[in-house]
Amino acid sequence: MFGRNYYYSPFDYVGSAAVGSAVCIFLALIAAIVLFIVFMPAKNEVKYKGFVLWLYKALNFRTMFSMGLLKFLYLLSVCFICFFGLYMLFISFAAGLAILTLGNFFTRVIYEFFILVFSIHENLSQINSNTAFLKWKAGSTAEPPKSAPVIDNAQQAGPQQQDNSQPQSDQ
């Protein structure tokens, strides 16, 4: 009598979400292709400075965020375990004590494993840059690699010679 009564089903929202998702995927695909072709090539790295250089390195996975994220997640996990363990102490003393001790211990072991994997990656990257510099120094390439470390004369000399002027003690 007073007009038409409209009924919206939950499927109406799902349909509009599906259309919106499809449009977003299409736009993201176009943006990714443009960024990959225009911004990401290695020849462009020398052009960038400041924030754009940081963004370039982040998008090329030369800057790793995982270590900082892992440390934050570890602190979050430890705080949660401690608060939950303290709460459980009032409900069941043995369960609370077990959560406080074993929970924190196993959390630490798990996060140390993850950080160990990233540390191995970091060390291998350093070894790679050092060997690239040594290959360049030996004359195998025309210009130094971009990731080559700067080595001063003290480091090039190698281990320091021991001073043999001190008399040897008889044993």
C-alpha atoms as a PDB file:
ATOM      1  CA  MET A   1       0.000   0.000   0.000  1.00  0.00           C
ATOM      2  CA  PHE A   2       2.641   2.496   1.018  1.00  0.00           C
ATOM      3  CA  GLY A   3       5.032   1.504  -1.688  1.00  0.00           C
ATOM      4  CA  ARG A   4       7.130  -1.340  -2.679  1.00  0.00           C
ATOM      5  CA  ASN A   5       8.900  -3.336   0.015  1.00  0.00           C
ATOM      6  CA  TYR A   6      12.457  -4.154  -1.094  1.00  0.00           C
ATOM      7  CA  TYR A   7      14.201  -7.173   0.274  1.00  0.00           C
ATOM      8  CA  TYR A   8      17.954  -7.527   0.024  1.00  0.00           C
ATOM      9  CA  SER A   9      19.458 -10.925   0.470  1.00  0.00           C
ATOM     10  CA  PRO A  10      23.017 -11.552   1.670  1.00  0.00           C
ATOM     11  CA  PHE A  11      23.776 -12.777  -1.850  1.00  0.00           C
ATOM     12  CA  ASP A  12      23.374  -9.234  -3.179  1.00  0.00           C
ATOM     13  CA  TYR A  13      26.370  -8.145  -1.116  1.00  0.00           C
ATOM     14  CA  VAL A  14      28.384 -11.180  -2.191  1.00  0.00           C
ATOM     15  CA  GLY A  15      27.708 -10.360  -5.829  1.00  0.00           C
ATOM     16  CA  SER A  16      28.829  -6.767  -5.449  1.00  0.00           C
ATOM     17  CA  ALA A  17      31.921  -7.899  -3.522  1.00  0.00           C
ATOM     18  CA  ALA A  18      32.751 -10.335  -6.304  1.00  0.00           C
ATOM     19  CA  VAL A  19      32.447  -7.644  -8.966  1.00  0.00           C
ATOM     20  CA  GLY A  20      34.518  -5.242  -6.851  1.00  0.00           C
ATOM     21  CA  SER A  21      37.163  -7.918  -6.292  1.00  0.00           C
ATOM     22  CA  ALA A  22      37.366  -8.672 -10.010  1.00  0.00           C
ATOM     23  CA  VAL A  23      37.811  -4.971 -10.831  1.00  0.00           C
ATOM     24  CA  CYS A  24      40.492  -4.629  -8.122  1.00  0.00           C
ATOM     25  CA  ILE A  25      42.361  -7.694  -9.415  1.00  0.00           C
ATOM     26  CA  PHE A  26      42.293  -6.290 -12.954  1.00  0.00           C
ATOM     27  CA  LEU A  27      43.577  -2.866 -11.810  1.00  0.00           C
ATOM     28  CA  ALA A  28      46.248  -4.496  -9.623  1.00  0.00           C
ATOM     29  CA  LEU A  29      47.426  -6.594 -12.571  1.00  0.00           C
ATOM     30  CA  ILE A  30      47.771  -3.505 -14.769  1.00  0.00           C
ATOM     31  CA  ALA A  31      49.587  -1.568 -12.003  1.00  0.00           C
ATOM     32  CA  ALA A  32      51.973  -4.481 -11.345  1.00  0.00           C
ATOM     33  CA  ILE A  33      52.850  -4.782 -15.042  1.00  0.00           C
ATOM     34  CA  VAL A  34      53.505  -1.032 -15.340  1.00  0.00           C
ATOM     35  CA  LEU A  35      55.628  -0.956 -12.154  1.00  0.00           C
ATOM     36  CA  PHE A  36      57.570  -4.037 -13.259  1.00  0.00           C
ATOM     37  CA  ILE A  37      58.377  -2.579 -16.672  1.00  0.00           C
ATOM     38  CA  VAL A  38      58.972   1.060 -15.702  1.00  0.00           C
ATOM     39  CA  PHE A  39      60.241   1.069 -12.099  1.00  0.00           C
ATOM     40  CA  MET A  40      61.845  -2.312 -11.381  1.00  0.00           C
ATOM     41  CA  PRO A  41      64.663  -2.793 -13.944  1.00  0.00           C
ATOM     42  CA  ALA A  42      68.167  -2.856 -12.423  1.00  0.00           C
ATOM     43  CA  LYS A  43      69.403  -0.126 -14.783  1.00  0.00           C
ATOM     44  CA  ASN A  44      67.104   2.361 -12.996  1.00  0.00           C
ATOM     45  CA  GLU A  45      68.705   1.915  -9.558  1.00  0.00           C
ATOM     46  CA  VAL A  46      71.340   4.594 -10.141  1.00  0.00           C
ATOM     47  CA  LYS A  47      68.613   7.164 -10.919  1.00  0.00           C
ATOM     48  CA  TYR A  48      66.907   6.913  -7.531  1.00  0.00           C
ATOM     49  CA  LYS A  49      67.762   8.647  -4.266  1.00  0.00           C
ATOM     50  CA  GLY A  50      66.189   8.890  -0.813  1.00  0.00           C
ATOM     51  CA  PHE A  51      62.752   7.384  -0.318  1.00  0.00           C
ATOM     52  CA  VAL A  52      62.420   6.252  -3.938  1.00  0.00           C
ATOM     53  CA  LEU A  53      65.698   4.302  -3.635  1.00  0.00           C
ATOM     54  CA  TRP A  54      64.465   2.733  -0.386  1.00  0.00           C
ATOM     55  CA  LEU A  55      61.173   1.817  -2.114  1.00  0.00           C
ATOM     56  CA  TYR A  56      63.074   0.386  -5.085  1.00  0.00           C
ATOM     57  CA  LYS A  57      65.220  -1.780  -2.793  1.00  0.00           C
ATOM     58  CA  ALA A  58      62.159  -2.892  -0.814  1.00  0.00           C
ATOM     59  CA  LEU A  59      60.248  -3.892  -3.954  1.00  0.00           C
ATOM     60  CA  ASN A  60      63.299  -5.774  -5.260  1.00  0.00           C
ATOM     61  CA  PHE A  61      63.691  -7.575  -1.904  1.00  0.00           C
ATOM     62  CA  ARG A  62      67.091  -6.042  -1.209  1.00  0.00           C
ATOM     63  CA  THR A  63      65.761  -4.626   2.050  1.00  0.00           C
ATOM     64  CA  MET A  64      64.395  -7.269   4.396  1.00  0.00           C
ATOM     65  CA  PHE A  65      61.619  -6.474   6.847  1.00  0.00           C
ATOM     66  CA  SER A  66      61.301  -9.999   8.179  1.00  0.00           C
ATOM     67  CA  MET A  67      63.823  -9.685  11.020  1.00  0.00           C
ATOM     68  CA  GLY A  68      62.080  -6.651  12.502  1.00  0.00           C
ATOM     69  CA  LEU A  69      58.683  -8.268  12.039  1.00  0.00           C
ATOM     70  CA  LEU A  70      59.884 -11.484  13.687  1.00  0.00           C
ATOM     71  CA  LYS A  71      61.256  -9.558  16.667  1.00  0.00           C
ATOM     72  CA  PHE A  72      57.967  -7.697  17.082  1.00  0.00           C
ATOM     73  CA  LEU A  73      55.937 -10.914  16.798  1.00  0.00           C
ATOM     74  CA  TYR A  74      58.249 -12.554  19.350  1.00  0.00           C
ATOM     75  CA  LEU A  75      57.670  -9.736  21.836  1.00  0.00           C
ATOM     76  CA  LEU A  76      53.922  -9.893  21.189  1.00  0.00           C
ATOM     77  CA  SER A  77      53.918 -13.665  21.725  1.00  0.00           C
ATOM     78  CA  VAL A  78      55.964 -13.483  24.921  1.00  0.00           C
ATOM     79  CA  CYS A  79      53.745 -10.756  26.372  1.00  0.00           C
ATOM     80  CA  PHE A  80      50.613 -12.762  25.529  1.00  0.00           C
ATOM     81  CA  ILE A  81      52.056 -15.948  27.035  1.00  0.00           C
ATOM     82  CA  CYS A  82      53.084 -14.120  30.207  1.00  0.00           C
ATOM     83  CA  PHE A  83      49.691 -12.448  30.678  1.00  0.00           C
ATOM     84  CA  PHE A  84      47.823 -15.668  29.886  1.00  0.00           C
ATOM     85  CA  GLY A  85      50.137 -17.643  32.198  1.00  0.00           C
ATOM     86  CA  LEU A  86      49.537 -15.179  35.035  1.00  0.00           C
ATOM     87  CA  TYR A  87      45.800 -15.440  34.440  1.00  0.00           C
ATOM     88  CA  MET A  88      46.011 -19.231  34.469  1.00  0.00           C
ATOM     89  CA  LEU A  89      47.933 -19.168  37.770  1.00  0.00           C
ATOM     90  CA  PHE A  90      44.695 -18.099  39.470  1.00  0.00           C
ATOM     91  CA  ILE A  91      42.685 -20.855  37.808  1.00  0.00           C
ATOM     92  CA  SER A  92      45.184 -23.700  37.943  1.00  0.00           C
ATOM     93  CA  PHE A  93      48.594 -23.091  39.463  1.00  0.00           C
ATOM     94  CA  ALA A  94      50.262 -25.996  37.620  1.00  0.00           C
ATOM     95  CA  ALA A  95      48.802 -25.004  34.247  1.00  0.00           C
ATOM     96  CA  GLY A  96      49.784 -21.353  34.748  1.00  0.00           C
ATOM     97  CA  LEU A  97      53.322 -22.302  35.745  1.00  0.00           C
ATOM     98  CA  ALA A  98      53.612 -24.640  32.756  1.00  0.00           C
ATOM     99  CA  ILE A  99      52.403 -21.935  30.374  1.00  0.00           C
ATOM    100  CA  LEU A 100      54.812 -19.376  31.833  1.00  0.00           C
ATOM    101  CA  THR A 101      57.834 -21.651  31.613  1.00  0.00           C
ATOM    102  CA  LEU A 102      57.245 -24.039  28.720  1.00  0.00           C
ATOM    103  CA  GLY A 103      55.286 -21.566  26.622  1.00  0.00           C
ATOM    104  CA  ASN A 104      58.037 -18.982  26.742  1.00  0.00           C
ATOM    105  CA  PHE A 105      60.739 -21.629  26.208  1.00  0.00           C
ATOM    106  CA  PHE A 106      59.117 -23.134  23.100  1.00  0.00           C
ATOM    107  CA  THR A 107      58.259 -19.708  21.722  1.00  0.00           C
ATOM    108  CA  ARG A 108      61.898 -18.682  22.069  1.00  0.00           C
ATOM    109  CA  VAL A 109      63.122 -21.865  20.335  1.00  0.00           C
ATOM    110  CA  ILE A 110      60.703 -21.423  17.424  1.00  0.00           C
ATOM    111  CA  TYR A 111      61.610 -17.771  16.869  1.00  0.00           C
ATOM    112  CA  GLU A 112      65.336 -18.524  17.182  1.00  0.00           C
ATOM    113  CA  PHE A 113      64.933 -21.063  14.383  1.00  0.00           C
ATOM    114  CA  PHE A 114      63.279 -18.490  12.129  1.00  0.00           C
ATOM    115  CA  ILE A 115      65.893 -15.847  12.937  1.00  0.00           C
ATOM    116  CA  LEU A 116      68.627 -18.420  12.279  1.00  0.00           C
ATOM    117  CA  VAL A 117      67.281 -18.927   8.758  1.00  0.00           C
ATOM    118  CA  PHE A 118      67.355 -15.182   8.102  1.00  0.00           C
ATOM    119  CA  SER A 119      70.835 -14.872   9.621  1.00  0.00           C
ATOM    120  CA  ILE A 120      72.093 -17.581   7.284  1.00  0.00           C
ATOM    121  CA  HIS A 121      70.612 -15.626   4.369  1.00  0.00           C
ATOM    122  CA  GLU A 122      72.292 -12.440   5.577  1.00  0.00           C
ATOM    123  CA  ASN A 123      75.680 -14.162   5.923  1.00  0.00           C
ATOM    124  CA  LEU A 124      75.396 -15.777   2.487  1.00  0.00           C
ATOM    125  CA  SER A 125      74.559 -12.396   0.966  1.00  0.00           C
ATOM    126  CA  GLN A 126      77.661 -10.901   2.595  1.00  0.00           C
ATOM    127  CA  ILE A 127      79.825 -13.783   1.313  1.00  0.00           C
ATOM    128  CA  ASN A 128      78.359 -13.276  -2.174  1.00  0.00           C
ATOM    129  CA  SER A 129      79.165  -9.574  -2.189  1.00  0.00           C
ATOM    130  CA  ASN A 130      82.691 -10.229  -0.888  1.00  0.00           C
ATOM    131  CA  THR A 131      83.440 -12.854  -3.544  1.00  0.00           C
ATOM    132  CA  ALA A 132      82.010 -10.578  -6.261  1.00  0.00           C
ATOM    133  CA  PHE A 133      84.418  -7.875  -5.115  1.00  0.00           C
ATOM    134  CA  LEU A 134      87.338 -10.328  -5.113  1.00  0.00           C
ATOM    135  CA  LYS A 135      86.486 -11.438  -8.657  1.00  0.00           C
ATOM    136  CA  TRP A 136      86.409  -7.798  -9.758  1.00  0.00           C
ATOM    137  CA  LYS A 137      89.697  -7.110  -7.996  1.00  0.00           C
ATOM    138  CA  ALA A 138      91.288 -10.058  -9.811  1.00  0.00           C
ATOM    139  CA  GLY A 139      90.315  -8.407 -13.106  1.00  0.00           C
ATOM    140  CA  SER A 140      87.533 -10.651 -14.333  1.00  0.00           C
ATOM    141  CA  THR A 141      85.061  -7.764 -14.891  1.00  0.00           C
ATOM    142  CA  ALA A 142      85.440  -4.192 -16.127  1.00  0.00           C
ATOM    143  CA  GLU A 143      83.703  -2.332 -13.274  1.00  0.00           C
ATOM    144  CA  PRO A 144      83.109  -3.139  -9.607  1.00  0.00           C
ATOM    145  CA  PRO A 145      79.884  -4.908  -8.674  1.00  0.00           C
ATOM    146  CA  LYS A 146      77.187  -2.701  -7.144  1.00  0.00           C
ATOM    147  CA  SER A 147      77.059  -4.729  -3.951  1.00  0.00           C
ATOM    148  CA  ALA A 148      80.820  -4.724  -3.431  1.00  0.00           C
ATOM    149  CA  PRO A 149      81.968  -3.564  -0.016  1.00  0.00           C
ATOM    150  CA  VAL A 150      84.491  -0.808   0.399  1.00  0.00           C
ATOM    151  CA  ILE A 151      87.721  -2.300   1.701  1.00  0.00           C
ATOM    152  CA  ASP A 152      90.416  -0.030   3.060  1.00  0.00           C
ATOM    153  CA  ASN A 153      94.155  -0.730   3.043  1.00  0.00           C
ATOM    154  CA  ALA A 154      94.150  -2.243   6.534  1.00  0.00           C
ATOM    155  CA  GLN A 155      91.633  -4.873   5.467  1.00  0.00           C
ATOM    156  CA  GLN A 156      93.461  -5.604   2.214  1.00  0.00           C
ATOM    157  CA  ALA A 157      96.684  -6.352   4.054  1.00  0.00           C
ATOM    158  CA  GLY A 158      95.065  -9.362   5.668  1.00  0.00           C
ATOM    159  CA  PRO A 159      95.891 -10.618   9.149  1.00  0.00           C
ATOM    160  CA  GLN A 160      98.467  -8.586  10.971  1.00  0.00           C
ATOM    161  CA  GLN A 161     101.969 -10.016  11.207  1.00  0.00           C
ATOM    162  CA  GLN A 162     102.990 -11.028  14.691  1.00  0.00           C
ATOM    163  CA  ASP A 163     105.828  -9.098  16.238  1.00  0.00           C
ATOM    164  CA  ASN A 164     108.610 -11.625  16.800  1.00  0.00           C
ATOM    165  CA  SER A 165     110.864  -9.178  18.639  1.00  0.00           C
ATOM    166  CA  GLN A 166     109.671 -10.496  22.002  1.00  0.00           C
ATOM    167  CA  PRO A 167     111.828 -13.305  23.324  1.00  0.00           C
ATOM    168  CA  GLN A 168     110.252 -16.726  23.355  1.00  0.00           C
ATOM    169  CA  SER A 169     109.906 -18.274  26.787  1.00  0.00           C
ATOM    170  CA  ASP A 170     111.483 -21.692  27.339  1.00  0.00           C
ATOM    171  CA  GLN A 171     109.085 -24.375  28.289  1.00  0.00           C
END
